[in-house]
N, C-alpha and C. Protein backbone atom coordinates (compact mmCIF):
# COMPACT_ATOMS: atom_id res chain seq x y z
N ASP A 1 15.91 40.93 58.39
CA ASP A 1 17.16 41.37 58.95
C ASP A 1 17.12 42.87 59.19
N PHE A 2 17.86 43.31 60.20
CA PHE A 2 17.93 44.71 60.55
C PHE A 2 19.34 45.22 60.32
N PHE A 3 19.47 46.51 60.03
CA PHE A 3 20.78 47.11 59.88
C PHE A 3 20.65 48.62 60.06
N LEU A 4 21.80 49.26 60.31
CA LEU A 4 21.87 50.71 60.44
C LEU A 4 22.46 51.27 59.16
N ALA A 5 21.86 52.34 58.66
CA ALA A 5 22.35 52.95 57.42
C ALA A 5 22.00 54.42 57.40
N ARG A 6 22.64 55.12 56.46
CA ARG A 6 22.38 56.55 56.26
C ARG A 6 22.23 56.81 54.77
N THR A 7 21.18 57.55 54.44
CA THR A 7 21.01 58.02 53.06
C THR A 7 20.83 59.52 53.11
N GLU A 8 21.12 60.20 52.01
CA GLU A 8 20.94 61.66 51.96
C GLU A 8 19.47 62.02 52.15
N ALA A 9 18.58 61.26 51.54
CA ALA A 9 17.15 61.57 51.58
C ALA A 9 16.51 61.28 52.93
N GLN A 10 16.95 60.21 53.62
CA GLN A 10 16.27 59.79 54.85
C GLN A 10 17.13 59.88 56.10
N GLY A 11 18.36 60.29 55.98
CA GLY A 11 19.22 60.42 57.15
C GLY A 11 19.64 59.06 57.68
N SER A 12 20.20 59.04 58.91
CA SER A 12 20.64 57.77 59.50
C SER A 12 19.50 57.16 60.28
N GLY A 13 19.50 55.83 60.32
CA GLY A 13 18.44 55.17 61.06
C GLY A 13 18.51 53.67 61.00
N LEU A 14 17.51 53.05 61.61
CA LEU A 14 17.36 51.61 61.64
C LEU A 14 16.53 51.20 60.43
N TRP A 15 17.02 50.21 59.70
CA TRP A 15 16.36 49.73 58.50
C TRP A 15 16.05 48.24 58.64
N ARG A 16 15.11 47.80 57.86
CA ARG A 16 14.74 46.38 57.82
C ARG A 16 14.73 45.93 56.37
N THR A 17 15.14 44.69 56.12
CA THR A 17 15.13 44.18 54.76
C THR A 17 14.75 42.70 54.73
N ASP A 18 14.12 42.31 53.66
CA ASP A 18 13.89 40.89 53.39
C ASP A 18 14.81 40.42 52.27
N GLY A 19 15.76 41.27 51.90
CA GLY A 19 16.73 40.94 50.87
C GLY A 19 16.37 41.46 49.49
N THR A 20 15.22 42.13 49.38
CA THR A 20 14.81 42.71 48.10
C THR A 20 14.77 44.22 48.23
N ALA A 21 14.85 44.94 47.10
CA ALA A 21 14.76 46.40 47.12
C ALA A 21 13.40 46.85 47.65
N LYS A 22 12.33 46.19 47.21
CA LYS A 22 10.98 46.56 47.66
C LYS A 22 10.78 46.30 49.15
N GLY A 23 11.46 45.28 49.66
CA GLY A 23 11.32 44.91 51.07
C GLY A 23 12.35 45.52 51.98
N THR A 24 13.00 46.61 51.54
CA THR A 24 14.00 47.31 52.34
C THR A 24 13.48 48.70 52.66
N TYR A 25 13.32 48.99 53.95
CA TYR A 25 12.74 50.27 54.34
C TYR A 25 13.20 50.68 55.73
N LYS A 26 13.15 51.99 55.98
CA LYS A 26 13.56 52.57 57.25
C LYS A 26 12.43 52.40 58.26
N ILE A 27 12.80 51.99 59.50
CA ILE A 27 11.78 51.83 60.54
C ILE A 27 12.03 52.69 61.77
N SER A 28 13.06 53.54 61.75
CA SER A 28 13.25 54.45 62.88
C SER A 28 12.47 55.73 62.61
N PRO A 29 11.87 56.31 63.65
CA PRO A 29 10.96 57.44 63.46
C PRO A 29 11.59 58.82 63.37
N ASN A 30 12.91 58.90 63.25
CA ASN A 30 13.55 60.21 63.23
C ASN A 30 13.44 60.88 61.86
N PRO A 31 13.33 62.22 61.86
CA PRO A 31 13.34 62.94 60.58
C PRO A 31 14.74 62.87 59.96
N PRO A 32 14.85 63.08 58.64
CA PRO A 32 16.14 62.98 57.95
C PRO A 32 17.23 63.88 58.51
N THR A 33 16.86 65.00 59.11
CA THR A 33 17.88 65.93 59.62
C THR A 33 18.39 65.53 61.00
N GLU A 34 17.78 64.55 61.63
CA GLU A 34 18.18 64.12 62.97
C GLU A 34 18.85 62.76 62.92
N GLY A 35 19.84 62.54 63.77
CA GLY A 35 20.53 61.27 63.81
C GLY A 35 19.77 60.20 64.58
N PHE A 36 20.07 58.97 64.28
CA PHE A 36 19.52 57.82 65.00
C PHE A 36 20.58 56.73 64.86
N ALA A 37 21.44 56.63 65.86
CA ALA A 37 22.56 55.71 65.73
C ALA A 37 22.81 54.97 67.04
N PRO A 38 22.11 53.88 67.28
CA PRO A 38 22.40 53.09 68.48
C PRO A 38 23.78 52.46 68.36
N ASN A 39 24.40 52.16 69.52
CA ASN A 39 25.72 51.53 69.44
C ASN A 39 25.65 50.02 69.66
N ALA A 40 24.43 49.48 69.81
CA ALA A 40 24.29 48.03 69.93
C ALA A 40 22.87 47.62 69.58
N LEU A 41 22.74 46.45 69.01
CA LEU A 41 21.44 45.85 68.72
C LEU A 41 21.42 44.48 69.38
N HIS A 42 20.26 44.07 69.92
CA HIS A 42 20.14 42.75 70.54
C HIS A 42 18.74 42.21 70.28
N ALA A 43 18.67 41.08 69.63
CA ALA A 43 17.38 40.46 69.33
C ALA A 43 16.94 39.54 70.46
N THR A 44 15.67 39.65 70.84
CA THR A 44 15.04 38.72 71.76
C THR A 44 13.88 38.07 70.99
N PRO A 45 13.20 37.10 71.57
CA PRO A 45 12.08 36.51 70.85
C PRO A 45 10.97 37.51 70.50
N SER A 46 10.83 38.57 71.29
CA SER A 46 9.74 39.53 71.07
C SER A 46 10.15 40.81 70.36
N PHE A 47 11.36 41.30 70.64
CA PHE A 47 11.77 42.61 70.14
C PHE A 47 13.23 42.62 69.73
N LEU A 48 13.57 43.63 68.96
CA LEU A 48 14.96 44.01 68.73
C LEU A 48 15.20 45.19 69.65
N TYR A 49 16.19 45.08 70.53
CA TYR A 49 16.52 46.19 71.42
C TYR A 49 17.68 46.97 70.84
N LEU A 50 17.64 48.30 71.06
CA LEU A 50 18.66 49.21 70.55
C LEU A 50 19.20 49.99 71.75
N CYS A 51 20.51 49.99 71.92
CA CYS A 51 21.12 50.66 73.06
C CYS A 51 21.69 52.01 72.70
N ASN A 52 21.49 52.94 73.62
CA ASN A 52 22.08 54.28 73.57
C ASN A 52 21.68 55.07 72.34
N VAL A 53 20.43 54.97 71.99
CA VAL A 53 19.90 55.77 70.89
C VAL A 53 19.85 57.22 71.34
N SER A 54 20.25 58.11 70.47
CA SER A 54 20.11 59.54 70.71
C SER A 54 19.19 60.06 69.62
N SER A 55 17.99 60.46 70.01
CA SER A 55 16.98 60.85 69.04
C SER A 55 16.05 61.90 69.65
N PRO A 56 15.48 62.79 68.83
CA PRO A 56 14.50 63.72 69.35
C PRO A 56 13.28 63.02 69.95
N SER A 57 13.07 61.76 69.57
CA SER A 57 11.94 60.98 70.09
C SER A 57 12.25 60.34 71.43
N GLY A 58 13.46 60.51 71.94
CA GLY A 58 13.84 59.95 73.23
C GLY A 58 15.23 59.35 73.20
N ASP A 59 15.95 59.47 74.29
CA ASP A 59 17.31 58.93 74.38
C ASP A 59 17.30 57.69 75.27
N GLY A 60 18.21 56.75 75.00
CA GLY A 60 18.37 55.59 75.87
C GLY A 60 18.06 54.27 75.21
N LEU A 61 17.32 53.42 75.93
CA LEU A 61 16.96 52.08 75.47
C LEU A 61 15.71 52.14 74.60
N TRP A 62 15.80 51.55 73.40
CA TRP A 62 14.67 51.50 72.46
C TRP A 62 14.36 50.05 72.15
N ARG A 63 13.19 49.82 71.58
CA ARG A 63 12.83 48.49 71.09
C ARG A 63 12.13 48.65 69.75
N SER A 64 12.14 47.56 68.98
CA SER A 64 11.43 47.55 67.71
C SER A 64 10.79 46.19 67.50
N ASP A 65 9.57 46.21 67.00
CA ASP A 65 8.92 44.96 66.59
C ASP A 65 9.07 44.75 65.09
N GLY A 66 9.89 45.61 64.46
CA GLY A 66 10.15 45.50 63.03
C GLY A 66 9.32 46.42 62.17
N THR A 67 8.50 47.26 62.82
CA THR A 67 7.69 48.22 62.07
C THR A 67 8.03 49.63 62.53
N LEU A 68 7.68 50.62 61.71
CA LEU A 68 7.90 52.01 62.09
C LEU A 68 7.09 52.35 63.34
N ALA A 69 5.82 51.96 63.37
CA ALA A 69 4.97 52.25 64.53
C ALA A 69 5.45 51.53 65.79
N GLY A 70 6.08 50.40 65.62
CA GLY A 70 6.54 49.60 66.76
C GLY A 70 7.99 49.84 67.14
N THR A 71 8.60 50.90 66.63
CA THR A 71 9.97 51.26 66.98
C THR A 71 9.90 52.50 67.86
N GLN A 72 10.20 52.33 69.15
CA GLN A 72 9.98 53.41 70.09
C GLN A 72 10.94 53.36 71.27
N CYS A 73 11.04 54.51 71.93
CA CYS A 73 11.87 54.62 73.13
C CYS A 73 11.20 53.86 74.27
N VAL A 74 11.96 53.04 74.96
CA VAL A 74 11.46 52.28 76.10
C VAL A 74 11.69 53.06 77.39
N ALA A 75 12.95 53.47 77.62
CA ALA A 75 13.29 54.13 78.88
C ALA A 75 14.58 54.92 78.72
N PRO A 76 14.71 56.01 79.48
CA PRO A 76 15.94 56.82 79.42
C PRO A 76 17.07 56.20 80.24
N VAL A 77 17.42 54.96 79.89
CA VAL A 77 18.49 54.23 80.57
C VAL A 77 19.63 54.04 79.58
N THR A 78 20.83 54.40 80.00
CA THR A 78 22.00 54.21 79.15
C THR A 78 22.46 52.78 79.26
N CYS A 79 22.58 52.10 78.14
CA CYS A 79 23.12 50.74 78.14
C CYS A 79 24.64 50.83 78.11
N SER A 80 25.29 50.07 78.94
CA SER A 80 26.75 50.03 78.92
C SER A 80 27.18 48.96 77.94
N GLN A 81 26.89 49.18 76.68
CA GLN A 81 27.11 48.16 75.66
C GLN A 81 27.66 48.79 74.40
N ASN A 82 28.53 48.06 73.77
CA ASN A 82 29.03 48.44 72.46
C ASN A 82 29.11 47.16 71.65
N THR A 83 28.44 47.14 70.50
CA THR A 83 28.40 45.94 69.67
C THR A 83 29.78 45.40 69.39
N PHE A 84 30.76 46.29 69.27
CA PHE A 84 32.10 45.85 68.88
C PHE A 84 33.00 45.56 70.08
N GLY A 85 32.47 45.71 71.28
CA GLY A 85 33.26 45.42 72.47
C GLY A 85 33.42 43.93 72.68
N LYS A 86 34.36 43.55 73.53
CA LYS A 86 34.62 42.15 73.80
C LYS A 86 33.76 41.60 74.92
N LEU A 87 33.23 42.46 75.78
CA LEU A 87 32.44 42.01 76.92
C LEU A 87 30.95 42.09 76.58
N ARG A 88 30.30 40.96 76.50
CA ARG A 88 28.88 40.93 76.17
C ARG A 88 28.08 41.45 77.37
N ARG A 89 27.31 42.51 77.16
CA ARG A 89 26.58 43.14 78.26
C ARG A 89 25.07 43.08 78.08
N LEU A 90 24.60 42.18 77.25
CA LEU A 90 23.16 41.99 77.04
C LEU A 90 22.87 40.50 77.01
N ALA A 91 21.72 40.10 77.55
CA ALA A 91 21.31 38.70 77.52
C ALA A 91 19.79 38.65 77.57
N THR A 92 19.25 37.51 77.23
CA THR A 92 17.80 37.32 77.26
C THR A 92 17.46 36.21 78.25
N LEU A 93 16.49 36.49 79.11
CA LEU A 93 15.98 35.48 80.03
C LEU A 93 15.01 34.56 79.27
N PRO A 94 14.71 33.39 79.81
CA PRO A 94 13.80 32.47 79.12
C PRO A 94 12.43 33.08 78.79
N ASP A 95 11.96 34.05 79.59
CA ASP A 95 10.66 34.68 79.31
C ASP A 95 10.74 35.76 78.23
N GLY A 96 11.95 36.00 77.69
CA GLY A 96 12.13 36.99 76.64
C GLY A 96 12.55 38.36 77.14
N ASP A 97 12.58 38.57 78.45
CA ASP A 97 13.03 39.86 78.99
C ASP A 97 14.52 40.04 78.74
N LEU A 98 14.91 41.30 78.57
CA LEU A 98 16.30 41.66 78.34
C LEU A 98 16.99 41.94 79.66
N LEU A 99 18.19 41.39 79.84
CA LEU A 99 19.07 41.75 80.94
C LEU A 99 20.20 42.57 80.33
N PHE A 100 20.57 43.66 80.99
CA PHE A 100 21.64 44.48 80.44
C PHE A 100 22.33 45.28 81.53
N ALA A 101 23.53 45.73 81.23
CA ALA A 101 24.25 46.64 82.10
C ALA A 101 23.78 48.04 81.73
N GLY A 102 23.14 48.72 82.67
CA GLY A 102 22.58 50.04 82.38
C GLY A 102 22.86 51.03 83.48
N ALA A 103 22.61 52.30 83.17
CA ALA A 103 22.84 53.37 84.15
C ALA A 103 21.86 54.50 83.92
N VAL A 104 21.52 55.17 85.00
CA VAL A 104 20.74 56.41 84.96
C VAL A 104 21.53 57.46 85.75
N ALA A 105 21.12 58.71 85.67
CA ALA A 105 21.81 59.79 86.38
C ALA A 105 21.95 59.44 87.86
N GLY A 106 23.15 59.59 88.39
CA GLY A 106 23.41 59.34 89.81
C GLY A 106 23.69 57.89 90.14
N SER A 107 23.69 57.04 89.14
CA SER A 107 23.95 55.62 89.36
C SER A 107 25.00 55.15 88.38
N GLY A 108 25.80 54.20 88.82
CA GLY A 108 26.78 53.61 87.91
C GLY A 108 26.14 52.51 87.08
N ALA A 109 26.94 51.86 86.25
CA ALA A 109 26.47 50.74 85.42
C ALA A 109 26.18 49.55 86.31
N GLU A 110 24.91 49.14 86.32
CA GLU A 110 24.45 48.05 87.17
C GLU A 110 23.55 47.11 86.36
N LEU A 111 23.02 46.08 86.99
CA LEU A 111 22.19 45.08 86.32
C LEU A 111 20.75 45.59 86.20
N TRP A 112 20.25 45.62 84.96
CA TRP A 112 18.89 46.05 84.66
C TRP A 112 18.14 44.97 83.90
N ARG A 113 16.82 45.08 83.90
CA ARG A 113 15.93 44.15 83.19
C ARG A 113 14.85 44.96 82.48
N SER A 114 14.43 44.51 81.29
CA SER A 114 13.36 45.19 80.57
C SER A 114 12.46 44.18 79.88
N ASP A 115 11.15 44.42 79.98
CA ASP A 115 10.18 43.63 79.21
C ASP A 115 9.74 44.40 77.97
N GLY A 116 10.41 45.52 77.69
CA GLY A 116 10.09 46.32 76.51
C GLY A 116 9.13 47.46 76.79
N THR A 117 8.82 47.70 78.08
CA THR A 117 7.95 48.81 78.46
C THR A 117 8.68 49.69 79.48
N LEU A 118 8.24 50.94 79.60
CA LEU A 118 8.84 51.84 80.58
C LEU A 118 8.67 51.28 82.00
N GLY A 119 7.45 50.87 82.34
CA GLY A 119 7.19 50.33 83.68
C GLY A 119 7.89 49.01 83.95
N GLY A 120 8.20 48.28 82.91
CA GLY A 120 8.86 46.98 83.05
C GLY A 120 10.36 47.05 82.86
N THR A 121 10.92 48.27 82.86
CA THR A 121 12.37 48.45 82.77
C THR A 121 12.85 48.92 84.13
N VAL A 122 13.51 48.02 84.85
CA VAL A 122 13.89 48.28 86.24
C VAL A 122 15.31 47.82 86.52
N GLN A 123 15.91 48.47 87.50
CA GLN A 123 17.21 48.01 87.97
C GLN A 123 16.98 46.77 88.81
N VAL A 124 17.67 45.69 88.48
CA VAL A 124 17.54 44.44 89.22
C VAL A 124 18.33 44.50 90.51
N ALA A 125 19.58 44.94 90.42
CA ALA A 125 20.45 44.96 91.59
C ALA A 125 21.47 46.08 91.45
N ASP A 126 21.72 46.75 92.57
CA ASP A 126 22.76 47.78 92.65
C ASP A 126 23.92 47.14 93.40
N LEU A 127 24.78 46.46 92.68
CA LEU A 127 25.86 45.68 93.29
C LEU A 127 26.93 46.55 93.91
N VAL A 128 27.10 47.78 93.41
CA VAL A 128 27.98 48.78 94.02
C VAL A 128 27.11 50.00 94.28
N ALA A 129 26.70 50.17 95.52
CA ALA A 129 25.75 51.22 95.87
C ALA A 129 26.26 52.60 95.48
N GLY A 130 25.31 53.47 95.11
CA GLY A 130 25.65 54.84 94.76
C GLY A 130 26.13 54.97 93.33
N PRO A 131 27.01 55.95 93.08
CA PRO A 131 27.42 56.21 91.70
C PRO A 131 28.49 55.25 91.16
N GLY A 132 28.97 54.32 91.98
CA GLY A 132 29.99 53.38 91.51
C GLY A 132 29.41 52.39 90.51
N ASP A 133 30.29 51.78 89.73
CA ASP A 133 29.90 50.81 88.71
C ASP A 133 30.26 49.41 89.13
N SER A 134 29.35 48.47 88.96
CA SER A 134 29.72 47.06 89.06
C SER A 134 30.04 46.52 87.66
N SER A 135 29.60 47.25 86.65
CA SER A 135 29.89 46.93 85.25
C SER A 135 29.63 45.47 84.89
N PRO A 136 28.38 45.00 85.04
CA PRO A 136 28.08 43.62 84.66
C PRO A 136 28.46 43.37 83.20
N ALA A 137 29.05 42.20 82.96
CA ALA A 137 29.52 41.88 81.60
C ALA A 137 29.61 40.38 81.42
N SER A 138 29.91 39.98 80.21
CA SER A 138 30.11 38.57 79.85
C SER A 138 28.90 37.71 80.22
N PHE A 139 27.71 38.19 79.89
CA PHE A 139 26.48 37.46 80.17
C PHE A 139 26.44 36.15 79.39
N ALA A 140 25.97 35.08 80.05
CA ALA A 140 25.80 33.79 79.38
C ALA A 140 24.63 33.05 80.01
N PRO A 141 23.67 32.59 79.21
CA PRO A 141 22.55 31.82 79.75
C PRO A 141 23.03 30.47 80.29
N VAL A 142 22.48 30.08 81.45
CA VAL A 142 22.73 28.77 82.04
C VAL A 142 21.39 28.28 82.56
N GLY A 143 20.76 27.38 81.85
CA GLY A 143 19.43 26.92 82.24
C GLY A 143 18.45 28.08 82.21
N ASP A 144 17.71 28.30 83.29
CA ASP A 144 16.76 29.40 83.38
C ASP A 144 17.38 30.69 83.90
N ASP A 145 18.66 30.64 84.23
CA ASP A 145 19.36 31.80 84.78
C ASP A 145 20.38 32.34 83.78
N VAL A 146 21.01 33.43 84.17
CA VAL A 146 22.10 34.02 83.38
C VAL A 146 23.26 34.24 84.34
N VAL A 147 24.45 33.85 83.92
CA VAL A 147 25.64 34.15 84.72
C VAL A 147 26.34 35.34 84.07
N PHE A 148 27.06 36.09 84.90
CA PHE A 148 27.79 37.26 84.42
C PHE A 148 28.91 37.56 85.39
N VAL A 149 29.82 38.41 85.00
CA VAL A 149 30.86 38.87 85.91
C VAL A 149 30.58 40.32 86.26
N ALA A 150 30.96 40.69 87.47
CA ALA A 150 30.79 42.07 87.93
C ALA A 150 31.94 42.43 88.84
N ASN A 151 32.23 43.72 88.92
CA ASN A 151 33.29 44.22 89.78
C ASN A 151 32.64 44.90 90.96
N THR A 152 32.61 44.22 92.11
CA THR A 152 31.98 44.79 93.30
C THR A 152 32.99 45.35 94.29
N GLY A 153 34.26 45.37 93.91
CA GLY A 153 35.28 45.92 94.78
C GLY A 153 35.95 44.89 95.66
N LEU A 154 35.33 43.72 95.83
CA LEU A 154 35.93 42.69 96.65
C LEU A 154 37.07 41.99 95.90
N GLN A 155 36.86 41.79 94.61
CA GLN A 155 37.88 41.20 93.75
C GLN A 155 37.80 41.95 92.43
N ALA A 156 38.75 41.70 91.55
CA ALA A 156 38.73 42.38 90.26
C ALA A 156 37.43 42.07 89.51
N ARG A 157 37.06 40.82 89.40
CA ARG A 157 35.81 40.40 88.76
C ARG A 157 35.28 39.20 89.52
N GLU A 158 33.99 39.19 89.80
CA GLU A 158 33.35 38.07 90.48
C GLU A 158 32.30 37.47 89.57
N LEU A 159 32.10 36.17 89.69
CA LEU A 159 31.06 35.49 88.94
C LEU A 159 29.74 35.59 89.71
N TRP A 160 28.67 36.03 89.02
CA TRP A 160 27.35 36.17 89.60
C TRP A 160 26.35 35.36 88.78
N ARG A 161 25.22 35.07 89.40
CA ARG A 161 24.13 34.35 88.74
C ARG A 161 22.84 35.11 89.05
N THR A 162 21.94 35.21 88.06
CA THR A 162 20.66 35.90 88.28
C THR A 162 19.53 35.18 87.57
N ASP A 163 18.37 35.25 88.19
CA ASP A 163 17.13 34.80 87.54
C ASP A 163 16.33 36.02 87.07
N GLY A 164 16.93 37.21 87.19
CA GLY A 164 16.28 38.44 86.78
C GLY A 164 15.57 39.16 87.91
N THR A 165 15.73 38.66 89.15
CA THR A 165 15.14 39.31 90.32
C THR A 165 16.26 39.69 91.30
N ALA A 166 15.98 40.66 92.18
CA ALA A 166 16.98 41.06 93.17
C ALA A 166 17.34 39.90 94.10
N PRO A 167 16.35 39.18 94.68
CA PRO A 167 16.72 38.06 95.56
C PRO A 167 17.43 36.92 94.82
N GLY A 168 17.16 36.81 93.54
CA GLY A 168 17.77 35.75 92.74
C GLY A 168 19.07 36.14 92.09
N THR A 169 19.67 37.27 92.50
CA THR A 169 20.96 37.71 91.97
C THR A 169 21.99 37.51 93.07
N VAL A 170 22.85 36.51 92.88
CA VAL A 170 23.77 36.10 93.93
C VAL A 170 25.16 35.83 93.34
N PRO A 171 26.20 36.02 94.22
CA PRO A 171 27.55 35.68 93.74
C PRO A 171 27.70 34.18 93.57
């Protein structure tokens, strides 16, 4: 199991536990004086993804394989996700890739996909061109696809379906 915690000796960070004191240890690479506080965690079959990490080791989307060496920054993409929010903005495709509502400078919150690598983290679709947000949310797997709602300006919220590709993302 994974959790976020802060200690005086090790600062804030991502921790892993097997339920024993000996099996509980910090796996985020930040020094004790630096913060490490993602606002969302999402498990896929391959990785634990962490959204909106702010760390000297890199800001944005992170992943962890459960080890210190395997906990690293994936891409400087802001996830539009909050663990405590009501709108689910993360989902997993059948191949294990992450779908999420993300944004980079000059772009609004749009549909993104990540295989856990920088090169494999790409915007799938820009449903509202330019700096506007389509704010994809309420992701739910349906067979091999994922359905979600987005605000494209035509209606308050529209139902969309995606297979994780631009041509396969349709209202």
